[in-house]
Amino acid sequence: MCEFCLKHGEGKKWYLQARNYSDELLSDIRRRRMIEEFFSNPGRLTRGIEQLNRLDKTPKFIKGMIGRIITSRQKKTHFGQVVPIEEIEQIFGFVSSIVRVACICRQVTLNKEKRYCYGVSMSTNGGQFAKIVQGLDKSFLSGPDTSGLETLSKEEAISAFRDHEREGLCHTVWTFQSPFIGGVCNCDRSDCLAMRCTVTHSIPVMFRAEYIAEVDPDVCFGCRECMRVCQFGAIVYSASTRKVAIDQKRCYGCGICRSVCKKKAIRLNDRNRVPAAANIW
């Protein structure tokens, strides 16, 4: 299991523990200020991109040292984990409210509003997290309603996430001053800054999922649709066998590849049961 499961989940999946979504954690003034800063200052993400690009040009050992500092800092403040759709449904099953809001990453990278981010709370109407965001009154949060937040039923949210899967987006949960989880997002490597930092620049700000994908070679017929939606380059194709296989060391266990497999040839296995990837997070 990932280290957050040990620290914040008592040996169980930390993101399935209701206490980590509790409004009580928002009584911490540092956490409230961090949320306000996160949503009110998207410009710092632009500066972050520039800094990462500069860091790529430094010697490898310097980049490695600075990267470890960034990862350590992010684990305390704003860190994520990839989560498959089945466990997203479990999360939506025990939270009391789900609100959809504009994605800051897409605002920065595309200069467009894309509603791929969801706030979740154990309280009704988005709880204190929604009140903090609404109180900022920033233009990038404007949208279908005046508050900038859309309230969704659990059924509507699950349906939206299945649509995101068909778009090839990877589901992730995010902390705001760990272990408080306030957001569930849908990421891709081109537009999501956290995924770009983790995968493209090799500075992790999110854990891989607790799973690894596996292809049944007796069922796969080599259409390669799964390769099209894999954000991590973890699926390889053999011209000899005309089938695909999973690179276990690259796989993040998101399960998005399953959503486009017409033959249902892909399944998820527990990461800790796959020796090649058990300790890769």
C-alpha atoms as a PDB file:
ATOM      1  CA  MET A   1       0.000   0.000   0.000  1.00  0.00           C
ATOM      2  CA  CYS A   2       1.087   3.603  -0.503  1.00  0.00           C
ATOM      3  CA  GLU A   3       2.545   5.496   2.446  1.00  0.00           C
ATOM      4  CA  PHE A   4      -0.642   7.553   2.882  1.00  0.00           C
ATOM      5  CA  CYS A   5      -2.551   4.336   3.602  1.00  0.00           C
ATOM      6  CA  LEU A   6      -0.200   3.765   6.539  1.00  0.00           C
ATOM      7  CA  LYS A   7      -0.169   7.396   7.710  1.00  0.00           C
ATOM      8  CA  HIS A   8      -3.770   8.373   7.109  1.00  0.00           C
ATOM      9  CA  GLY A   9      -5.665   5.125   6.649  1.00  0.00           C
ATOM     10  CA  GLU A  10      -4.364   2.862   9.429  1.00  0.00           C
ATOM     11  CA  GLY A  11      -3.302   0.301   6.845  1.00  0.00           C
ATOM     12  CA  LYS A  12      -6.437   0.667   4.739  1.00  0.00           C
ATOM     13  CA  LYS A  13      -6.974   2.716   1.595  1.00  0.00           C
ATOM     14  CA  TRP A  14      -6.732   6.251   2.917  1.00  0.00           C
ATOM     15  CA  TYR A  15      -9.003   7.762   0.263  1.00  0.00           C
ATOM     16  CA  LEU A  16     -11.860   5.457   1.312  1.00  0.00           C
ATOM     17  CA  GLN A  17     -11.806   6.719   4.904  1.00  0.00           C
ATOM     18  CA  ALA A  18     -14.688   9.142   5.483  1.00  0.00           C
ATOM     19  CA  ARG A  19     -12.773  11.057   8.168  1.00  0.00           C
ATOM     20  CA  ASN A  20     -10.354  12.347   5.533  1.00  0.00           C
ATOM     21  CA  TYR A  21     -13.244  14.232   3.887  1.00  0.00           C
ATOM     22  CA  SER A  22     -14.602  15.704   7.115  1.00  0.00           C
ATOM     23  CA  ASP A  23     -15.420  19.398   7.445  1.00  0.00           C
ATOM     24  CA  GLU A  24     -13.801  19.266  10.878  1.00  0.00           C
ATOM     25  CA  LEU A  25     -10.405  19.339   9.163  1.00  0.00           C
ATOM     26  CA  LEU A  26     -11.302  22.745   7.719  1.00  0.00           C
ATOM     27  CA  SER A  27     -11.138  24.307  11.164  1.00  0.00           C
ATOM     28  CA  ASP A  28      -7.369  24.424  10.565  1.00  0.00           C
ATOM     29  CA  ILE A  29      -6.684  28.008   9.476  1.00  0.00           C
ATOM     30  CA  ARG A  30      -3.607  26.940   7.480  1.00  0.00           C
ATOM     31  CA  ARG A  31      -5.724  24.598   5.430  1.00  0.00           C
ATOM     32  CA  ARG A  32      -8.348  27.268   4.737  1.00  0.00           C
ATOM     33  CA  ARG A  33      -5.684  29.750   3.670  1.00  0.00           C
ATOM     34  CA  MET A  34      -4.064  27.150   1.445  1.00  0.00           C
ATOM     35  CA  ILE A  35      -7.393  26.498  -0.327  1.00  0.00           C
ATOM     36  CA  GLU A  36      -7.979  30.228  -0.782  1.00  0.00           C
ATOM     37  CA  GLU A  37      -4.507  30.678  -2.250  1.00  0.00           C
ATOM     38  CA  PHE A  38      -4.877  27.661  -4.522  1.00  0.00           C
ATOM     39  CA  PHE A  39      -8.101  28.872  -6.137  1.00  0.00           C
ATOM     40  CA  SER A  40      -7.413  32.606  -6.140  1.00  0.00           C
ATOM     41  CA  ASN A  41      -3.940  32.545  -7.663  1.00  0.00           C
ATOM     42  CA  PRO A  42      -3.827  30.367 -10.798  1.00  0.00           C
ATOM     43  CA  GLY A  43      -0.896  32.440 -12.025  1.00  0.00           C
ATOM     44  CA  ARG A  44       1.437  30.561  -9.692  1.00  0.00           C
ATOM     45  CA  LEU A  45       0.769  27.428 -11.765  1.00  0.00           C
ATOM     46  CA  THR A  46       2.080  29.210 -14.827  1.00  0.00           C
ATOM     47  CA  ARG A  47       5.236  30.083 -12.902  1.00  0.00           C
ATOM     48  CA  GLY A  48       5.454  26.452 -11.825  1.00  0.00           C
ATOM     49  CA  ILE A  49       5.496  25.308 -15.458  1.00  0.00           C
ATOM     50  CA  GLU A  50       8.312  27.711 -16.239  1.00  0.00           C
ATOM     51  CA  GLN A  51      10.303  26.505 -13.245  1.00  0.00           C
ATOM     52  CA  LEU A  52       9.867  22.847 -14.259  1.00  0.00           C
ATOM     53  CA  ASN A  53      11.070  23.591 -17.780  1.00  0.00           C
ATOM     54  CA  ARG A  54      14.151  25.306 -16.366  1.00  0.00           C
ATOM     55  CA  LEU A  55      14.733  22.434 -13.965  1.00  0.00           C
ATOM     56  CA  ASP A  56      14.844  19.964 -16.864  1.00  0.00           C
ATOM     57  CA  LYS A  57      17.926  21.765 -18.144  1.00  0.00           C
ATOM     58  CA  THR A  58      19.889  21.384 -14.904  1.00  0.00           C
ATOM     59  CA  PRO A  59      22.284  18.474 -14.207  1.00  0.00           C
ATOM     60  CA  LYS A  60      20.504  15.243 -13.353  1.00  0.00           C
ATOM     61  CA  PHE A  61      21.693  15.050  -9.738  1.00  0.00           C
ATOM     62  CA  ILE A  62      20.535  18.625  -9.050  1.00  0.00           C
ATOM     63  CA  LYS A  63      17.146  17.970 -10.623  1.00  0.00           C
ATOM     64  CA  GLY A  64      16.852  14.789  -8.562  1.00  0.00           C
ATOM     65  CA  MET A  65      17.637  16.591  -5.332  1.00  0.00           C
ATOM     66  CA  ILE A  66      15.218  19.446  -6.012  1.00  0.00           C
ATOM     67  CA  GLY A  67      12.580  16.989  -7.228  1.00  0.00           C
ATOM     68  CA  ARG A  68      12.686  15.079  -3.948  1.00  0.00           C
ATOM     69  CA  ILE A  69      12.223  18.337  -2.038  1.00  0.00           C
ATOM     70  CA  ILE A  70       9.206  19.249  -4.200  1.00  0.00           C
ATOM     71  CA  THR A  71       7.630  15.815  -3.738  1.00  0.00           C
ATOM     72  CA  SER A  72       8.176  15.893   0.027  1.00  0.00           C
ATOM     73  CA  ARG A  73       6.622  19.349   0.286  1.00  0.00           C
ATOM     74  CA  GLN A  74       3.653  18.417  -1.904  1.00  0.00           C
ATOM     75  CA  LYS A  75       2.888  15.343   0.202  1.00  0.00           C
ATOM     76  CA  LYS A  76       2.225  17.683   3.105  1.00  0.00           C
ATOM     77  CA  THR A  77       0.146  20.194   1.159  1.00  0.00           C
ATOM     78  CA  HIS A  78      -1.400  19.129  -2.163  1.00  0.00           C
ATOM     79  CA  PHE A  79      -0.848  15.518  -3.226  1.00  0.00           C
ATOM     80  CA  GLY A  80      -2.952  13.121  -5.257  1.00  0.00           C
ATOM     81  CA  GLN A  81      -3.510   9.493  -6.083  1.00  0.00           C
ATOM     82  CA  VAL A  82      -4.878   7.714  -9.120  1.00  0.00           C
ATOM     83  CA  VAL A  83      -8.153   5.923  -8.328  1.00  0.00           C
ATOM     84  CA  PRO A  84     -10.172   3.577 -10.610  1.00  0.00           C
ATOM     85  CA  ILE A  85     -13.847   4.204 -11.339  1.00  0.00           C
ATOM     86  CA  GLU A  86     -15.060   1.491  -8.925  1.00  0.00           C
ATOM     87  CA  GLU A  87     -13.521   3.313  -5.988  1.00  0.00           C
ATOM     88  CA  ILE A  88     -14.692   6.694  -7.239  1.00  0.00           C
ATOM     89  CA  GLU A  89     -18.184   5.210  -6.979  1.00  0.00           C
ATOM     90  CA  GLN A  90     -17.426   4.107  -3.417  1.00  0.00           C
ATOM     91  CA  ILE A  91     -16.328   7.648  -2.531  1.00  0.00           C
ATOM     92  CA  PHE A  92     -19.490   9.093  -4.046  1.00  0.00           C
ATOM     93  CA  GLY A  93     -21.412   6.529  -2.034  1.00  0.00           C
ATOM     94  CA  PHE A  94     -20.377   7.874   1.384  1.00  0.00           C
ATOM     95  CA  VAL A  95     -19.934  11.627   0.799  1.00  0.00           C
ATOM     96  CA  SER A  96     -22.978  13.841   1.300  1.00  0.00           C
ATOM     97  CA  SER A  97     -22.456  16.323  -1.529  1.00  0.00           C
ATOM     98  CA  ILE A  98     -20.668  16.636  -4.858  1.00  0.00           C
ATOM     99  CA  VAL A  99     -20.095  19.931  -6.662  1.00  0.00           C
ATOM    100  CA  ARG A 100     -18.477  20.474 -10.036  1.00  0.00           C
ATOM    101  CA  VAL A 101     -16.164  23.409 -10.637  1.00  0.00           C
ATOM    102  CA  ALA A 102     -13.894  24.741 -13.366  1.00  0.00           C
ATOM    103  CA  CYS A 103     -10.462  23.101 -13.580  1.00  0.00           C
ATOM    104  CA  ILE A 104      -7.657  25.516 -12.783  1.00  0.00           C
ATOM    105  CA  CYS A 105      -5.111  23.484 -14.760  1.00  0.00           C
ATOM    106  CA  ARG A 106      -7.175  23.779 -17.940  1.00  0.00           C
ATOM    107  CA  GLN A 107      -7.721  27.459 -17.269  1.00  0.00           C
ATOM    108  CA  VAL A 108      -3.952  27.922 -17.193  1.00  0.00           C
ATOM    109  CA  THR A 109      -2.973  25.579 -20.037  1.00  0.00           C
ATOM    110  CA  LEU A 110      -5.920  26.140 -22.401  1.00  0.00           C
ATOM    111  CA  ASN A 111      -7.300  29.477 -21.181  1.00  0.00           C
ATOM    112  CA  LYS A 112     -10.717  27.825 -21.269  1.00  0.00           C
ATOM    113  CA  GLU A 113     -13.194  26.655 -18.683  1.00  0.00           C
ATOM    114  CA  LYS A 114     -13.361  22.872 -18.528  1.00  0.00           C
ATOM    115  CA  ARG A 115     -15.406  21.370 -15.716  1.00  0.00           C
ATOM    116  CA  TYR A 116     -13.353  18.307 -14.876  1.00  0.00           C
ATOM    117  CA  CYS A 117     -12.940  18.970 -11.134  1.00  0.00           C
ATOM    118  CA  TYR A 118     -15.353  17.927  -8.393  1.00  0.00           C
ATOM    119  CA  GLY A 119     -15.492  19.022  -4.792  1.00  0.00           C
ATOM    120  CA  VAL A 120     -16.696  16.386  -2.327  1.00  0.00           C
ATOM    121  CA  SER A 121     -17.823  16.816   1.256  1.00  0.00           C
ATOM    122  CA  MET A 122     -19.342  14.913   4.132  1.00  0.00           C
ATOM    123  CA  SER A 123     -21.655  17.911   4.606  1.00  0.00           C
ATOM    124  CA  THR A 124     -24.563  19.015   2.434  1.00  0.00           C
ATOM    125  CA  ASN A 125     -24.278  21.664  -0.311  1.00  0.00           C
ATOM    126  CA  GLY A 126     -20.529  21.225  -0.628  1.00  0.00           C
ATOM    127  CA  GLY A 127     -19.812  21.972   3.022  1.00  0.00           C
ATOM    128  CA  GLN A 128     -17.193  24.461   4.163  1.00  0.00           C
ATOM    129  CA  PHE A 129     -14.974  23.708   1.170  1.00  0.00           C
ATOM    130  CA  ALA A 130     -17.631  25.017  -1.228  1.00  0.00           C
ATOM    131  CA  LYS A 131     -18.218  28.087   0.943  1.00  0.00           C
ATOM    132  CA  ILE A 132     -14.518  28.937   0.860  1.00  0.00           C
ATOM    133  CA  VAL A 133     -14.399  28.649  -2.935  1.00  0.00           C
ATOM    134  CA  GLN A 134     -17.636  30.581  -3.430  1.00  0.00           C
ATOM    135  CA  GLY A 135     -16.364  33.371  -1.206  1.00  0.00           C
ATOM    136  CA  LEU A 136     -13.423  34.021  -3.537  1.00  0.00           C
ATOM    137  CA  ASP A 137     -15.685  35.278  -6.348  1.00  0.00           C
ATOM    138  CA  LYS A 138     -13.038  34.813  -9.029  1.00  0.00           C
ATOM    139  CA  SER A 139     -13.914  35.049 -12.707  1.00  0.00           C
ATOM    140  CA  PHE A 140     -12.432  31.686 -13.619  1.00  0.00           C
ATOM    141  CA  LEU A 141     -15.002  30.013 -11.365  1.00  0.00           C
ATOM    142  CA  SER A 142     -17.942  31.478 -13.269  1.00  0.00           C
ATOM    143  CA  GLY A 143     -20.081  29.044 -15.185  1.00  0.00           C
ATOM    144  CA  PRO A 144     -23.593  27.659 -15.612  1.00  0.00           C
ATOM    145  CA  ASP A 145     -24.792  29.222 -12.370  1.00  0.00           C
ATOM    146  CA  THR A 146     -23.879  32.385 -10.506  1.00  0.00           C
ATOM    147  CA  SER A 147     -22.053  30.586  -7.721  1.00  0.00           C
ATOM    148  CA  GLY A 148     -19.627  28.922 -10.105  1.00  0.00           C
ATOM    149  CA  LEU A 149     -20.450  25.553  -8.535  1.00  0.00           C
ATOM    150  CA  GLU A 150     -22.827  22.929  -9.900  1.00  0.00           C
ATOM    151  CA  THR A 151     -24.415  20.564  -7.407  1.00  0.00           C
ATOM    152  CA  LEU A 152     -24.667  17.016  -8.755  1.00  0.00           C
ATOM    153  CA  SER A 153     -26.441  13.933  -7.493  1.00  0.00           C
ATOM    154  CA  LYS A 154     -24.333  10.815  -7.000  1.00  0.00           C
ATOM    155  CA  GLU A 155     -25.893   9.291 -10.109  1.00  0.00           C
ATOM    156  CA  GLU A 156     -25.112  12.392 -12.187  1.00  0.00           C
ATOM    157  CA  ALA A 157     -21.526  12.468 -10.936  1.00  0.00           C
ATOM    158  CA  ILE A 158     -20.925   8.795 -11.722  1.00  0.00           C
ATOM    159  CA  SER A 159     -22.387   9.269 -15.199  1.00  0.00           C
ATOM    160  CA  ALA A 160     -20.094  12.267 -15.750  1.00  0.00           C
ATOM    161  CA  PHE A 161     -17.047  10.259 -14.668  1.00  0.00           C
ATOM    162  CA  ARG A 162     -17.921   7.489 -17.096  1.00  0.00           C
ATOM    163  CA  ASP A 163     -18.074  10.122 -19.832  1.00  0.00           C
ATOM    164  CA  HIS A 164     -14.640  11.344 -18.712  1.00  0.00           C
ATOM    165  CA  GLU A 165     -13.337   7.787 -19.009  1.00  0.00           C
ATOM    166  CA  ARG A 166     -14.464   7.642 -22.623  1.00  0.00           C
ATOM    167  CA  GLU A 167     -12.510  10.859 -23.157  1.00  0.00           C
ATOM    168  CA  GLY A 168      -9.435   9.076 -21.812  1.00  0.00           C
ATOM    169  CA  LEU A 169      -9.211  11.047 -18.563  1.00  0.00           C
ATOM    170  CA  CYS A 170      -7.639   9.531 -15.459  1.00  0.00           C
ATOM    171  CA  HIS A 171      -9.453   9.864 -12.097  1.00  0.00           C
ATOM    172  CA  THR A 172      -7.511  11.247  -9.136  1.00  0.00           C
ATOM    173  CA  VAL A 173      -8.171  12.369  -5.548  1.00  0.00           C
ATOM    174  CA  TRP A 174      -6.404  15.425  -4.084  1.00  0.00           C
ATOM    175  CA  THR A 175      -5.514  16.726  -0.653  1.00  0.00           C
ATOM    176  CA  PHE A 176      -5.496  20.277   0.647  1.00  0.00           C
ATOM    177  CA  GLN A 177      -3.081  20.055   3.552  1.00  0.00           C
ATOM    178  CA  SER A 178      -2.945  16.258   3.816  1.00  0.00           C
ATOM    179  CA  PRO A 179      -4.881  14.196   4.738  1.00  0.00           C
ATOM    180  CA  PHE A 180      -7.960  16.329   3.955  1.00  0.00           C
ATOM    181  CA  ILE A 181      -9.376  15.309   0.566  1.00  0.00           C
ATOM    182  CA  GLY A 182     -11.414  18.085  -0.997  1.00  0.00           C
ATOM    183  CA  GLY A 183     -11.240  17.333  -4.701  1.00  0.00           C
ATOM    184  CA  VAL A 184     -11.694  14.527  -7.185  1.00  0.00           C
ATOM    185  CA  CYS A 185     -10.330  15.341 -10.627  1.00  0.00           C
ATOM    186  CA  ASN A 186      -9.986  13.977 -14.142  1.00  0.00           C
ATOM    187  CA  CYS A 187      -6.493  14.356 -15.551  1.00  0.00           C
ATOM    188  CA  ASP A 188      -4.540  13.967 -18.747  1.00  0.00           C
ATOM    189  CA  ARG A 189      -0.884  14.478 -19.492  1.00  0.00           C
ATOM    190  CA  SER A 190      -1.348  17.302 -21.994  1.00  0.00           C
ATOM    191  CA  ASP A 191      -3.404  19.678 -19.838  1.00  0.00           C
ATOM    192  CA  CYS A 192      -3.097  18.553 -16.197  1.00  0.00           C
ATOM    193  CA  LEU A 193      -0.099  20.195 -14.550  1.00  0.00           C
ATOM    194  CA  ALA A 194       0.163  17.618 -11.772  1.00  0.00           C
ATOM    195  CA  MET A 195       0.264  14.753 -14.244  1.00  0.00           C
ATOM    196  CA  ARG A 196       2.731  16.632 -16.409  1.00  0.00           C
ATOM    197  CA  CYS A 197       4.948  17.217 -13.377  1.00  0.00           C
ATOM    198  CA  THR A 198       4.726  13.549 -12.363  1.00  0.00           C
ATOM    199  CA  VAL A 199       4.998  11.783 -15.718  1.00  0.00           C
ATOM    200  CA  THR A 200       6.728  14.202 -18.082  1.00  0.00           C
ATOM    201  CA  HIS A 201       9.144  15.819 -15.628  1.00  0.00           C
ATOM    202  CA  SER A 202       9.557  12.775 -13.317  1.00  0.00           C
ATOM    203  CA  ILE A 203       8.752  14.734 -10.153  1.00  0.00           C
ATOM    204  CA  PRO A 204       5.904  12.834  -8.465  1.00  0.00           C
ATOM    205  CA  VAL A 205       3.046  14.843  -7.007  1.00  0.00           C
ATOM    206  CA  MET A 206       0.640  11.911  -7.109  1.00  0.00           C
ATOM    207  CA  PHE A 207       0.745   8.242  -6.171  1.00  0.00           C
ATOM    208  CA  ARG A 208      -0.045   5.503  -8.625  1.00  0.00           C
ATOM    209  CA  ALA A 209      -3.219   3.523  -8.006  1.00  0.00           C
ATOM    210  CA  GLU A 210      -3.328   0.469  -5.769  1.00  0.00           C
ATOM    211  CA  TYR A 211      -3.702  -1.602  -8.938  1.00  0.00           C
ATOM    212  CA  ILE A 212      -1.961  -2.769 -12.090  1.00  0.00           C
ATOM    213  CA  ALA A 213      -3.700  -3.524 -15.392  1.00  0.00           C
ATOM    214  CA  GLU A 214      -3.355  -6.900 -17.067  1.00  0.00           C
ATOM    215  CA  VAL A 215      -4.376  -8.007 -20.564  1.00  0.00           C
ATOM    216  CA  ASP A 216      -5.767 -11.477 -21.227  1.00  0.00           C
ATOM    217  CA  PRO A 217      -3.898 -12.518 -24.407  1.00  0.00           C
ATOM    218  CA  ASP A 218      -6.527 -15.150 -25.195  1.00  0.00           C
ATOM    219  CA  VAL A 219      -9.182 -12.458 -25.471  1.00  0.00           C
ATOM    220  CA  CYS A 220      -7.264  -9.471 -26.888  1.00  0.00           C
ATOM    221  CA  PHE A 221      -7.510  -9.122 -30.679  1.00  0.00           C
ATOM    222  CA  GLY A 222      -5.072  -6.236 -31.066  1.00  0.00           C
ATOM    223  CA  CYS A 223      -7.324  -3.292 -31.909  1.00  0.00           C
ATOM    224  CA  ARG A 224      -5.007  -1.010 -29.907  1.00  0.00           C
ATOM    225  CA  GLU A 225      -7.819   1.264 -28.732  1.00  0.00           C
ATOM    226  CA  CYS A 226      -6.416   0.950 -25.207  1.00  0.00           C
ATOM    227  CA  MET A 227      -3.114   2.430 -26.361  1.00  0.00           C
ATOM    228  CA  ARG A 228      -4.963   5.509 -27.574  1.00  0.00           C
ATOM    229  CA  VAL A 229      -6.309   6.390 -24.120  1.00  0.00           C
ATOM    230  CA  CYS A 230      -3.343   5.390 -21.936  1.00  0.00           C
ATOM    231  CA  GLN A 231      -1.897   8.573 -20.431  1.00  0.00           C
ATOM    232  CA  PHE A 232       1.235   6.825 -19.197  1.00  0.00           C
ATOM    233  CA  GLY A 233       2.591   4.996 -22.239  1.00  0.00           C
ATOM    234  CA  ALA A 234       2.184   1.734 -20.368  1.00  0.00           C
ATOM    235  CA  ILE A 235       0.662  -0.372 -23.166  1.00  0.00           C
ATOM    236  CA  VAL A 236       2.830  -2.023 -25.815  1.00  0.00           C
ATOM    237  CA  TYR A 237       1.847  -3.786 -29.032  1.00  0.00           C
ATOM    238  CA  SER A 238       3.501  -6.866 -30.483  1.00  0.00           C
ATOM    239  CA  ALA A 239       3.531  -7.048 -34.268  1.00  0.00           C
ATOM    240  CA  SER A 240       4.329 -10.755 -33.967  1.00  0.00           C
ATOM    241  CA  THR A 241       1.368 -11.754 -31.820  1.00  0.00           C
ATOM    242  CA  ARG A 242      -0.864  -8.824 -32.846  1.00  0.00           C
ATOM    243  CA  LYS A 243      -1.823  -8.294 -29.233  1.00  0.00           C
ATOM    244  CA  VAL A 244      -1.126  -5.690 -26.576  1.00  0.00           C
ATOM    245  CA  ALA A 245       0.497  -6.121 -23.164  1.00  0.00           C
ATOM    246  CA  ILE A 246       0.984  -3.962 -20.072  1.00  0.00           C
ATOM    247  CA  ASP A 247       4.368  -2.546 -19.083  1.00  0.00           C
ATOM    248  CA  GLN A 248       3.933  -3.112 -15.343  1.00  0.00           C
ATOM    249  CA  LYS A 249       6.595  -0.609 -14.331  1.00  0.00           C
ATOM    250  CA  ARG A 250       4.868   2.174 -16.246  1.00  0.00           C
ATOM    251  CA  CYS A 251       1.256   1.339 -15.416  1.00  0.00           C
ATOM    252  CA  TYR A 252      -0.513   3.672 -12.976  1.00  0.00           C
ATOM    253  CA  GLY A 253      -3.492   1.345 -12.549  1.00  0.00           C
ATOM    254  CA  CYS A 254      -6.140   3.893 -13.554  1.00  0.00           C
ATOM    255  CA  GLY A 255      -8.154   1.313 -15.504  1.00  0.00           C
ATOM    256  CA  ILE A 256      -9.136   3.743 -18.243  1.00  0.00           C
ATOM    257  CA  CYS A 257      -7.928   1.247 -20.854  1.00  0.00           C
ATOM    258  CA  ARG A 258     -10.814  -1.035 -19.859  1.00  0.00           C
ATOM    259  CA  SER A 259     -13.418   1.525 -20.897  1.00  0.00           C
ATOM    260  CA  VAL A 260     -12.521   1.230 -24.588  1.00  0.00           C
ATOM    261  CA  CYS A 261     -11.759  -2.501 -24.747  1.00  0.00           C
ATOM    262  CA  LYS A 262     -14.545  -4.052 -26.819  1.00  0.00           C
ATOM    263  CA  LYS A 263     -13.581  -7.582 -25.783  1.00  0.00           C
ATOM    264  CA  LYS A 264     -13.289  -6.819 -22.041  1.00  0.00           C
ATOM    265  CA  ALA A 265      -9.774  -8.258 -22.169  1.00  0.00           C
ATOM    266  CA  ILE A 266      -8.293  -5.977 -19.481  1.00  0.00           C
ATOM    267  CA  ARG A 267      -8.618  -6.271 -15.727  1.00  0.00           C
ATOM    268  CA  LEU A 268      -7.041  -4.652 -12.686  1.00  0.00           C
ATOM    269  CA  ASN A 269      -4.972  -6.631 -10.178  1.00  0.00           C
ATOM    270  CA  ASP A 270      -3.827  -5.544  -6.722  1.00  0.00           C
ATOM    271  CA  ARG A 271      -0.465  -3.813  -7.067  1.00  0.00           C
ATOM    272  CA  ASN A 272       0.980  -5.550  -4.010  1.00  0.00           C
ATOM    273  CA  ARG A 273       0.462  -8.912  -5.739  1.00  0.00           C
ATOM    274  CA  VAL A 274       2.536  -7.908  -8.771  1.00  0.00           C
ATOM    275  CA  PRO A 275       6.214  -8.259  -7.749  1.00  0.00           C
ATOM    276  CA  ALA A 276       7.534  -6.076 -10.580  1.00  0.00           C
ATOM    277  CA  ALA A 277       5.421  -3.094  -9.475  1.00  0.00           C
ATOM    278  CA  ALA A 278       4.560  -3.705  -5.802  1.00  0.00           C
ATOM    279  CA  ASN A 279       6.947  -1.037  -4.516  1.00  0.00           C
ATOM    280  CA  ILE A 280       6.582   1.473  -7.349  1.00  0.00           C
ATOM    281  CA  TRP A 281       4.405   4.408  -6.377  1.00  0.00           C
END
